[in-house]
Amino acid sequence: MTEPTWISVLPPLLAIGLAIVTRQVYLSLASGIWLGWTILAGWNPIAGLGRAIDETVRVLGNESNAKVILFTLVIGALIATVEAAGGVRGFVSWVERKNFVTNGRRAQILAYIVGFVIFIESNITVLVAGAIGRPLFDRFRVSREKLAYIIDSTSAPICILIPLNAWGAYILVLLGESGVDNPLSVFVSSIPLNFYAISAIIVTFVVVMSGLNLGPMKKAEQRTQGGELLSPMASPLLDPEVLSPPPNEKIEPRARNMFLPIAAMVVMMPVALFITGDGDLSAGSGATSVLWAVLTGLGVAWLLLLAQRAYTIDELTRVGLKGAGGLMSLALVLLLALALGSVANQLGTGLYLAQATGDLLPAVVFLPLVFIVGAGVAFSTGTSWGTFAIMIPIAVPAAQALGLPPAPFVAAALSGGIFGDHASPISDTTIIASMAAATDHIDHVRTQLPYALISGAIATIAFAITGALIG
């Protein structure tokens, strides 16, 4: 389609609607993909089905997409290996011996802190935080929905505020392509203005410390305190036992068996960015660096277990394959989400939403408008990175044309992408948070939404004030 119209919004709307009504994420994403290619095939449903299959397979032909899918399988192997090493059990025992986690609130604080420590990639953050937090939340009868909310709210919002990770590398590339002379300086200047990310982190902290439970979250907490981990109609996307092998009596649970692989992974990320960028961190490949980092963590975990004579290479291979298989469903979700984003791009969904609202308000409120439109694009497409690619090339030239500094507009575009992605039921990060917490996906979306809307309202007001100041 050369000129996007309102029809371009139908595929993501169908996916979102079906996800909410049926709770079937795979079916919902696949239906959106099929409708998108049916539209592009002149409304021929049979041709659309054929194109949908071919184009979904073609998504893997993109090197970055293939690395993201492979990363998903490797992180599954890493988590399973750390579990087999007794790393998570050792860490949980360690925090209990130190009396760090003695109740539900402290379990929530721990999950919150993990989001700050593991900042190299949002999916890694939620998966590791989920593996650590889930047994503690279950033990102290804090709902899995609360865990999903905490790890979801401290993944992308934290990652977007750190320049030296995959997110930072990606954003710097987009800024450079949009004609920004000093991308790193502009990105760093936008960080304190990224109001949604900051407000989401603060709101989550308030919820953790105060026990503020709103609407569906209050019901989830009451249910869990009564001994029911899941709602009656729940269908968890992941069985937690898949990534939790039975204890190995040949090895004592040790916290360092978790600390060292994760530390190696975190350290490897900027090193990989430096290497792939030929000495320039900002020019490094985010997808490649994340994959290298996770492989490094897995390698360190293997060396630890081999040195402790707890497993043979054959046994470690089996554990890793089981862990990778446990996240095969996640890899499928990511594949479908990438395919839906691809057809939405072909239809011009994001461009239509941006154009449809771009001239409705005067320049003095253009800044909050960028945030709101970005949120709409991310909610409809389920991808924050795709939203960044759409909104930054629109927001930066608009700011320059108005004679305004680019940093606030970059912050608004990034904040909008995070907000919409955080609230969307078809977002890969939201889906992964549900998996990591082993809770029903739609239950996670419903319980998280009130808090996301509060943070969104705060961000909208903050951008309106900032827009008035710079205008």
Protein backbone atom coordinates (compact mmCIF):
# COMPACT_ATOMS: atom_id res chain seq x y z
CA MET A 1 0.00 0.00 0.00
CA THR A 2 1.56 3.26 -1.12
CA GLU A 3 -0.59 5.51 1.07
CA PRO A 4 -1.62 4.04 4.43
CA THR A 5 -5.27 4.37 5.49
CA TRP A 6 -7.35 3.36 8.49
CA ILE A 7 -7.40 -0.19 7.09
CA SER A 8 -3.74 -0.53 8.08
CA VAL A 9 -4.80 -0.51 11.75
CA LEU A 10 -7.09 -3.55 11.40
CA PRO A 11 -4.49 -6.39 11.71
CA PRO A 12 -3.01 -5.25 15.06
CA LEU A 13 -6.49 -4.41 16.35
CA LEU A 14 -7.65 -7.93 15.45
CA ALA A 15 -4.64 -9.44 17.23
CA ILE A 16 -5.23 -7.31 20.33
CA GLY A 17 -8.97 -8.01 20.42
CA LEU A 18 -8.58 -11.75 19.99
CA ALA A 19 -5.83 -11.88 22.63
CA ILE A 20 -8.11 -10.22 25.16
CA VAL A 21 -11.25 -12.22 24.29
CA THR A 22 -9.80 -15.69 23.64
CA ARG A 23 -6.59 -15.59 25.75
CA GLN A 24 -4.95 -17.44 22.85
CA VAL A 25 -1.80 -15.46 22.09
CA TYR A 26 -0.53 -17.63 19.24
CA LEU A 27 -3.89 -17.67 17.46
CA SER A 28 -4.30 -13.92 17.94
CA LEU A 29 -0.91 -13.03 16.49
CA ALA A 30 -1.33 -15.47 13.61
CA SER A 31 -4.76 -14.02 12.81
CA GLY A 32 -3.36 -10.51 12.67
CA ILE A 33 -0.60 -11.65 10.32
CA TRP A 34 -3.09 -13.43 8.08
CA LEU A 35 -5.41 -10.40 7.89
CA GLY A 36 -2.51 -8.09 7.11
CA TRP A 37 -1.30 -10.13 4.17
CA THR A 38 -4.88 -10.75 3.03
CA ILE A 39 -5.29 -6.97 2.76
CA LEU A 40 -2.03 -6.70 0.81
CA ALA A 41 -3.18 -9.56 -1.45
CA GLY A 42 -6.25 -7.60 -2.52
CA TRP A 43 -8.50 -9.16 0.15
CA ASN A 44 -7.92 -12.68 -1.20
CA PRO A 45 -7.91 -14.85 1.97
CA ILE A 46 -6.26 -17.87 0.31
CA ALA A 47 -3.46 -15.80 -1.23
CA GLY A 48 -3.19 -13.96 2.07
CA LEU A 49 -2.68 -17.23 3.93
CA GLY A 50 0.08 -18.27 1.55
CA ARG A 51 1.80 -14.89 1.86
CA ALA A 52 1.44 -15.00 5.66
CA ILE A 53 3.23 -18.35 5.85
CA ASP A 54 5.98 -17.32 3.43
CA GLU A 55 6.58 -13.93 5.05
CA THR A 56 6.63 -15.40 8.57
CA VAL A 57 9.37 -17.80 7.48
CA ARG A 58 11.16 -14.91 5.73
CA VAL A 59 11.38 -13.05 9.05
CA LEU A 60 14.15 -15.49 9.99
CA GLY A 61 16.11 -14.35 6.93
CA ASN A 62 16.85 -11.09 8.75
CA GLU A 63 20.12 -11.55 10.65
CA SER A 64 19.01 -9.51 13.68
CA ASN A 65 15.71 -11.38 13.93
CA ALA A 66 17.45 -14.75 13.71
CA LYS A 67 19.85 -13.71 16.47
CA VAL A 68 16.94 -12.65 18.70
CA ILE A 69 15.27 -16.04 18.23
CA LEU A 70 18.57 -17.86 18.87
CA PHE A 71 19.19 -15.67 21.92
CA THR A 72 15.82 -16.77 23.30
CA LEU A 73 16.79 -20.43 23.07
CA VAL A 74 20.24 -19.81 24.57
CA ILE A 75 18.80 -17.86 27.52
CA GLY A 76 16.54 -20.85 28.15
CA ALA A 77 19.62 -23.07 28.20
CA LEU A 78 21.40 -20.63 30.53
CA ILE A 79 18.53 -20.45 33.02
CA ALA A 80 18.15 -24.24 33.05
CA THR A 81 21.91 -24.66 33.56
CA VAL A 82 21.99 -22.14 36.41
CA GLU A 83 19.05 -23.95 37.97
CA ALA A 84 20.82 -27.29 37.53
CA ALA A 85 23.90 -25.77 39.17
CA GLY A 86 21.82 -24.95 42.21
CA GLY A 87 22.48 -21.28 41.54
CA VAL A 88 18.94 -20.01 42.07
CA ARG A 89 18.38 -22.28 45.09
CA GLY A 90 21.73 -21.23 46.47
CA PHE A 91 20.89 -17.58 45.98
CA VAL A 92 17.49 -17.99 47.62
CA SER A 93 19.10 -19.83 50.55
CA TRP A 94 21.75 -17.14 50.82
CA VAL A 95 19.28 -14.27 51.02
CA GLU A 96 17.28 -16.25 53.59
CA ARG A 97 20.36 -16.93 55.73
CA LYS A 98 21.19 -13.24 55.60
CA ASN A 99 17.56 -12.48 56.49
CA PHE A 100 17.24 -10.37 53.34
CA VAL A 101 13.94 -11.97 52.31
CA THR A 102 11.70 -12.89 55.22
CA ASN A 103 8.31 -11.77 53.91
CA GLY A 104 6.38 -10.91 50.79
CA ARG A 105 7.44 -7.27 50.68
CA ARG A 106 11.12 -8.15 50.74
CA ALA A 107 10.54 -10.71 47.99
CA GLN A 108 9.09 -7.90 45.90
CA ILE A 109 12.04 -5.64 46.73
CA LEU A 110 14.44 -8.36 45.57
CA ALA A 111 12.62 -8.75 42.24
CA TYR A 112 12.67 -4.96 41.86
CA ILE A 113 16.43 -4.77 42.50
CA VAL A 114 17.20 -7.51 39.98
CA GLY A 115 15.69 -5.26 37.29
CA PHE A 116 18.37 -2.66 38.02
CA VAL A 117 21.27 -5.11 38.17
CA ILE A 118 20.59 -6.95 34.90
CA PHE A 119 20.16 -4.07 32.47
CA ILE A 120 21.70 -5.37 29.26
CA GLU A 121 18.45 -6.56 27.65
CA SER A 122 14.83 -6.50 28.74
CA ASN A 123 14.06 -10.15 28.00
CA ILE A 124 17.06 -11.34 30.03
CA THR A 125 15.93 -9.12 32.89
CA VAL A 126 12.42 -10.55 33.10
CA LEU A 127 13.49 -14.18 32.67
CA VAL A 128 16.21 -14.05 35.35
CA ALA A 129 14.09 -11.98 37.74
CA GLY A 130 11.19 -14.38 37.21
CA ALA A 131 13.34 -17.43 37.92
CA ILE A 132 14.62 -15.85 41.14
CA GLY A 133 11.36 -14.31 42.32
CA ARG A 134 8.81 -17.00 41.49
CA PRO A 135 9.63 -19.46 44.30
CA LEU A 136 9.84 -16.64 46.85
CA PHE A 137 6.55 -15.09 45.73
CA ASP A 138 4.83 -18.47 45.89
CA ARG A 139 6.28 -19.15 49.33
CA PHE A 140 5.15 -15.84 50.82
CA ARG A 141 1.83 -15.88 48.95
CA VAL A 142 2.38 -12.86 46.77
CA SER A 143 0.55 -13.16 43.46
CA ARG A 144 2.40 -14.15 40.32
CA GLU A 145 0.60 -11.27 38.63
CA LYS A 146 2.42 -8.92 41.01
CA LEU A 147 5.72 -10.58 40.08
CA ALA A 148 4.95 -10.20 36.37
CA TYR A 149 4.12 -6.52 36.92
CA ILE A 150 7.33 -5.82 38.86
CA ILE A 151 9.68 -7.54 36.43
CA ASP A 152 7.88 -6.05 33.42
CA SER A 153 8.13 -2.55 34.91
CA THR A 154 11.83 -2.84 35.69
CA SER A 155 12.93 -4.33 32.37
CA ALA A 156 12.38 -2.01 29.41
CA PRO A 157 12.06 1.14 31.60
CA ILE A 158 15.50 0.43 33.08
CA CYS A 159 17.10 -0.65 29.79
CA ILE A 160 15.96 2.49 27.99
CA LEU A 161 17.74 4.67 30.56
CA ILE A 162 21.13 2.93 30.09
CA PRO A 163 23.18 3.95 27.01
CA LEU A 164 25.60 1.01 27.13
CA ASN A 165 23.34 -1.87 26.17
CA ALA A 166 21.49 -3.20 23.13
CA TRP A 167 18.76 -0.57 23.52
CA GLY A 168 21.25 2.28 23.62
CA ALA A 169 23.14 1.03 20.58
CA TYR A 170 19.91 0.74 18.59
CA ILE A 171 18.68 4.21 19.53
CA LEU A 172 22.02 5.81 18.69
CA VAL A 173 21.84 4.28 15.20
CA LEU A 174 18.33 5.69 14.71
CA LEU A 175 19.42 9.15 15.85
CA GLY A 176 22.38 9.09 13.51
CA GLU A 177 20.17 8.10 10.58
CA SER A 178 17.77 10.94 11.48
CA GLY A 179 20.45 13.58 10.98
CA VAL A 180 21.44 14.19 14.61
CA ASP A 181 25.03 15.50 14.70
CA ASN A 182 25.91 14.14 18.13
CA PRO A 183 23.63 11.15 18.84
CA LEU A 184 25.24 10.17 22.15
CA SER A 185 24.94 13.68 23.58
CA VAL A 186 21.29 13.96 22.52
CA PHE A 187 20.46 10.52 23.90
CA VAL A 188 22.12 11.25 27.25
CA SER A 189 20.26 14.59 27.40
CA SER A 190 16.96 12.79 26.77
CA ILE A 191 17.40 10.35 29.68
CA PRO A 192 16.21 12.67 32.52
CA LEU A 193 13.27 13.66 30.27
CA ASN A 194 12.14 10.07 29.66
CA PHE A 195 9.15 10.63 31.91
CA TYR A 196 7.28 7.38 31.35
CA ALA A 197 10.26 5.16 32.10
CA ILE A 198 11.08 7.18 35.21
CA SER A 199 7.48 7.34 36.43
CA ALA A 200 6.97 3.59 35.82
CA ILE A 201 10.03 2.82 37.94
CA ILE A 202 8.88 5.18 40.71
CA VAL A 203 5.27 3.93 40.67
CA THR A 204 6.50 0.33 40.88
CA PHE A 205 8.68 1.24 43.87
CA VAL A 206 5.69 2.85 45.58
CA VAL A 207 3.57 -0.25 44.90
CA VAL A 208 6.27 -2.55 46.29
CA MET A 209 6.84 -0.49 49.44
CA SER A 210 3.23 0.44 50.17
CA GLY A 211 1.41 -2.67 48.99
CA LEU A 212 -0.86 -0.55 46.78
CA ASN A 213 -3.14 -3.02 45.00
CA LEU A 214 -5.57 -1.55 42.49
CA GLY A 215 -8.56 -3.22 40.86
CA PRO A 216 -7.66 -6.62 39.35
CA MET A 217 -4.35 -6.72 41.25
CA LYS A 218 -6.22 -6.51 44.56
CA LYS A 219 -8.32 -9.53 43.60
CA ALA A 220 -5.20 -11.43 42.51
CA GLU A 221 -3.51 -10.73 45.85
CA GLN A 222 -6.58 -11.83 47.81
CA ARG A 223 -6.81 -15.04 45.77
CA THR A 224 -3.13 -15.86 46.30
CA GLN A 225 -3.28 -15.19 50.02
CA GLY A 226 -6.13 -17.71 50.09
CA GLY A 227 -3.79 -20.35 48.63
CA GLU A 228 -4.71 -20.17 44.92
CA LEU A 229 -1.69 -19.35 42.77
CA LEU A 230 -3.70 -18.94 39.57
CA SER A 231 -7.15 -17.63 38.69
CA PRO A 232 -9.82 -20.25 37.85
CA MET A 233 -9.64 -19.65 34.08
CA ALA A 234 -5.88 -19.14 33.97
CA SER A 235 -3.71 -20.76 31.32
CA PRO A 236 -0.03 -20.09 32.13
CA LEU A 237 2.19 -19.69 29.08
CA LEU A 238 5.03 -21.60 30.74
CA ASP A 239 5.25 -24.43 33.24
CA PRO A 240 7.92 -23.35 35.75
CA GLU A 241 9.06 -26.95 36.11
CA VAL A 242 10.31 -26.89 32.51
CA LEU A 243 13.26 -24.68 33.43
CA SER A 244 13.76 -26.14 36.92
CA PRO A 245 15.54 -29.52 36.79
CA PRO A 246 15.40 -31.68 39.94
CA PRO A 247 18.18 -30.99 42.49
CA ASN A 248 21.51 -32.70 41.84
CA GLU A 249 22.76 -34.30 45.05
CA LYS A 250 26.35 -34.22 43.74
CA ILE A 251 26.46 -30.45 44.01
CA GLU A 252 25.70 -28.14 46.90
CA PRO A 253 23.48 -25.16 45.98
CA ARG A 254 25.80 -22.17 45.75
CA ALA A 255 24.86 -18.56 45.07
CA ARG A 256 28.06 -18.03 43.09
CA ASN A 257 26.82 -20.55 40.54
CA MET A 258 24.26 -17.90 39.63
CA PHE A 259 26.28 -14.76 40.34
CA LEU A 260 29.29 -15.58 38.17
CA PRO A 261 27.44 -16.50 34.93
CA ILE A 262 25.21 -13.42 35.22
CA ALA A 263 28.18 -11.18 36.05
CA ALA A 264 30.04 -12.55 33.02
CA MET A 265 26.98 -11.85 30.88
CA VAL A 266 26.67 -8.25 32.12
CA VAL A 267 30.38 -7.54 31.65
CA MET A 268 30.44 -9.09 28.18
CA MET A 269 27.71 -6.80 26.86
CA PRO A 270 29.74 -3.54 26.65
CA VAL A 271 32.80 -5.55 25.59
CA ALA A 272 30.84 -7.03 22.69
CA LEU A 273 29.48 -3.59 21.75
CA PHE A 274 33.07 -2.32 21.73
CA ILE A 275 34.26 -5.19 19.53
CA THR A 276 31.37 -5.15 17.05
CA GLY A 277 31.59 -1.36 16.83
CA ASP A 278 35.34 -1.45 16.02
CA GLY A 279 36.14 0.46 19.18
CA ASP A 280 32.97 2.59 19.18
CA LEU A 281 30.39 1.41 21.72
CA SER A 282 27.65 3.45 20.08
CA ALA A 283 28.25 1.73 16.72
CA GLY A 284 28.13 -1.82 18.12
CA SER A 285 25.56 -4.41 17.09
CA GLY A 286 22.96 -4.81 19.83
CA ALA A 287 21.64 -8.16 18.55
CA THR A 288 25.11 -9.64 18.18
CA SER A 289 26.29 -8.30 21.55
CA VAL A 290 23.30 -9.70 23.43
CA LEU A 291 23.85 -13.12 21.86
CA TRP A 292 27.55 -13.06 22.71
CA ALA A 293 26.78 -11.99 26.27
CA VAL A 294 24.34 -14.85 26.86
CA LEU A 295 26.69 -17.39 25.28
CA THR A 296 29.46 -16.12 27.57
CA GLY A 297 27.22 -16.57 30.61
CA LEU A 298 26.35 -20.10 29.47
CA GLY A 299 30.03 -20.90 28.94
CA VAL A 300 30.94 -19.70 32.44
CA ALA A 301 28.11 -21.81 33.92
CA TRP A 302 29.44 -24.88 32.08
CA LEU A 303 33.00 -24.27 33.31
CA LEU A 304 31.79 -23.93 36.91
CA LEU A 305 29.87 -27.22 36.79
CA LEU A 306 32.67 -29.09 35.05
CA ALA A 307 35.19 -27.78 37.60
CA GLN A 308 32.93 -28.91 40.45
CA ARG A 309 32.61 -32.35 38.79
CA ALA A 310 28.85 -32.13 39.10
CA TYR A 311 27.96 -32.83 35.45
CA THR A 312 29.53 -34.32 32.37
CA ILE A 313 29.50 -32.52 29.04
CA ASP A 314 26.81 -34.90 27.82
CA GLU A 315 24.63 -34.14 30.86
CA LEU A 316 25.14 -30.39 30.44
CA THR A 317 24.14 -30.67 26.80
CA ARG A 318 20.94 -32.43 27.79
CA VAL A 319 20.15 -29.79 30.43
CA GLY A 320 20.79 -27.00 27.94
CA LEU A 321 18.61 -28.58 25.26
CA LYS A 322 15.80 -29.08 27.77
CA GLY A 323 16.04 -25.43 28.78
CA ALA A 324 16.05 -24.27 25.17
CA GLY A 325 13.04 -26.48 24.50
CA GLY A 326 11.27 -24.95 27.48
CA LEU A 327 11.44 -21.55 25.78
CA MET A 328 10.44 -22.83 22.35
CA SER A 329 6.97 -21.38 22.94
CA LEU A 330 8.57 -18.01 23.62
CA ALA A 331 10.62 -18.27 20.43
CA LEU A 332 7.37 -18.92 18.53
CA VAL A 333 5.73 -15.89 20.13
CA LEU A 334 8.70 -13.71 19.17
CA LEU A 335 8.61 -15.04 15.62
CA LEU A 336 4.91 -14.25 15.31
CA ALA A 337 5.36 -10.83 16.93
CA LEU A 338 8.16 -9.99 14.49
CA ALA A 339 6.01 -11.19 11.59
CA LEU A 340 3.07 -9.04 12.74
CA GLY A 341 5.40 -6.07 13.03
CA SER A 342 6.65 -6.75 9.51
CA VAL A 343 3.19 -6.75 7.94
CA ALA A 344 2.22 -3.69 9.99
CA ASN A 345 5.25 -1.96 8.52
CA GLN A 346 4.22 -3.00 5.03
CA LEU A 347 0.75 -1.59 5.65
CA GLY A 348 2.16 1.62 7.11
CA THR A 349 0.27 1.22 10.40
CA GLY A 350 2.60 3.37 12.46
CA LEU A 351 2.99 5.97 9.72
CA TYR A 352 -0.79 6.29 9.40
CA LEU A 353 -1.24 6.79 13.13
CA ALA A 354 1.50 9.42 13.17
CA GLN A 355 0.14 11.27 10.13
CA ALA A 356 -3.47 11.08 11.33
CA THR A 357 -2.70 12.99 14.51
CA GLY A 358 0.38 15.00 13.60
CA ASP A 359 -1.38 18.24 12.64
CA LEU A 360 -4.26 18.24 15.11
CA LEU A 361 -2.65 20.38 17.82
CA PRO A 362 -0.44 23.51 17.86
CA ALA A 363 3.32 23.31 18.35
CA VAL A 364 3.15 24.18 22.05
CA VAL A 365 1.60 20.77 22.79
CA PHE A 366 3.41 18.86 20.07
CA LEU A 367 5.69 17.24 22.66
CA PRO A 368 2.92 15.40 24.59
CA LEU A 369 1.40 14.57 21.20
CA VAL A 370 4.57 12.75 20.18
CA PHE A 371 4.32 10.74 23.40
CA ILE A 372 0.63 9.87 22.89
CA VAL A 373 1.04 8.93 19.22
CA GLY A 374 4.10 6.84 20.03
CA ALA A 375 2.10 5.03 22.70
CA GLY A 376 -0.67 4.34 20.19
CA VAL A 377 1.79 2.98 17.64
CA ALA A 378 3.47 0.70 20.19
CA PHE A 379 0.16 -0.53 21.59
CA SER A 380 -1.11 -1.36 18.11
CA THR A 381 2.06 -3.01 16.84
CA GLY A 382 3.31 -4.56 20.10
CA THR A 383 6.88 -3.39 19.59
CA SER A 384 8.76 -0.53 21.23
CA TRP A 385 11.77 -0.84 18.92
CA GLY A 386 9.56 -0.67 15.86
CA THR A 387 7.90 2.40 17.34
CA PHE A 388 11.26 4.05 17.89
CA ALA A 389 12.09 3.44 14.22
CA ILE A 390 8.82 5.13 13.21
CA MET A 391 8.67 8.01 15.67
CA ILE A 392 12.28 9.21 15.94
CA PRO A 393 12.59 10.04 12.21
CA ILE A 394 9.31 11.98 12.56
CA ALA A 395 9.93 13.71 15.90
CA VAL A 396 13.52 14.82 15.37
CA PRO A 397 13.00 16.62 12.03
CA ALA A 398 9.79 18.15 13.41
CA ALA A 399 11.69 19.54 16.39
CA GLN A 400 14.39 20.92 14.12
CA ALA A 401 11.80 22.53 11.86
CA LEU A 402 10.22 24.21 14.88
CA GLY A 403 13.62 25.40 16.10
CA LEU A 404 13.31 23.33 19.29
CA PRO A 405 15.94 21.12 20.99
CA PRO A 406 15.72 17.48 19.83
CA ALA A 407 16.35 15.80 23.21
CA PRO A 408 12.81 16.33 24.65
CA PHE A 409 11.25 14.99 21.46
CA VAL A 410 13.54 11.97 21.47
CA ALA A 411 12.51 11.37 25.09
CA ALA A 412 8.82 11.66 24.17
CA ALA A 413 9.19 9.19 21.29
CA LEU A 414 11.05 6.71 23.52
CA SER A 415 8.60 7.14 26.39
CA GLY A 416 5.63 6.61 24.09
CA GLY A 417 7.16 3.42 22.75
CA ILE A 418 7.76 2.07 26.24
CA PHE A 419 4.26 3.03 27.46
CA GLY A 420 2.40 1.47 24.54
CA ASP A 421 4.58 -1.64 24.64
CA HIS A 422 4.05 -1.93 28.40
CA ALA A 423 0.27 -1.82 28.06
CA SER A 424 -0.12 -3.90 24.90
CA PRO A 425 -1.24 -7.54 25.17
CA ILE A 426 0.66 -8.37 21.96
CA SER A 427 3.99 -6.96 23.19
CA ASP A 428 6.78 -9.53 23.31
CA THR A 429 8.10 -8.10 26.60
CA THR A 430 4.65 -8.30 28.20
CA ILE A 431 4.25 -11.88 26.99
CA ILE A 432 7.70 -12.84 28.26
CA ALA A 433 6.93 -11.33 31.68
CA SER A 434 3.83 -13.55 31.85
CA MET A 435 5.94 -16.56 30.95
CA ALA A 436 8.69 -15.73 33.44
CA ALA A 437 6.14 -15.39 36.25
CA ALA A 438 4.27 -18.52 35.06
CA THR A 439 0.96 -16.69 35.12
CA ASP A 440 -1.89 -16.21 32.69
CA HIS A 441 -0.98 -13.60 30.10
CA ILE A 442 -4.29 -11.73 30.02
CA ASP A 443 -4.37 -11.74 33.84
CA HIS A 444 -0.97 -10.02 33.72
CA VAL A 445 -2.20 -7.45 31.20
CA ARG A 446 -5.32 -6.65 33.21
CA THR A 447 -3.54 -6.34 36.56
CA GLN A 448 -0.71 -4.24 35.14
CA LEU A 449 -2.81 -1.83 33.08
CA PRO A 450 -4.01 0.47 35.92
CA TYR A 451 -0.43 1.12 37.01
CA ALA A 452 0.72 1.69 33.43
CA LEU A 453 -2.09 4.20 32.92
CA ILE A 454 -1.08 6.09 36.08
CA SER A 455 2.51 6.33 34.84
CA GLY A 456 1.24 7.33 31.41
CA ALA A 457 -0.88 10.13 32.87
CA ILE A 458 2.09 11.41 34.88
CA ALA A 459 4.28 11.34 31.77
CA THR A 460 1.67 13.16 29.66
CA ILE A 461 1.45 15.99 32.18
CA ALA A 462 5.24 16.17 32.47
CA PHE A 463 5.66 16.37 28.69
CA ALA A 464 2.95 19.05 28.47
CA ILE A 465 4.78 21.15 31.05
CA THR A 466 8.11 20.60 29.30
CA GLY A 467 6.55 21.47 25.95
CA ALA A 468 5.20 24.72 27.34
CA LEU A 469 8.64 25.59 28.80
CA ILE A 470 10.60 24.97 25.61
CA GLY A 471 7.89 26.36 23.33
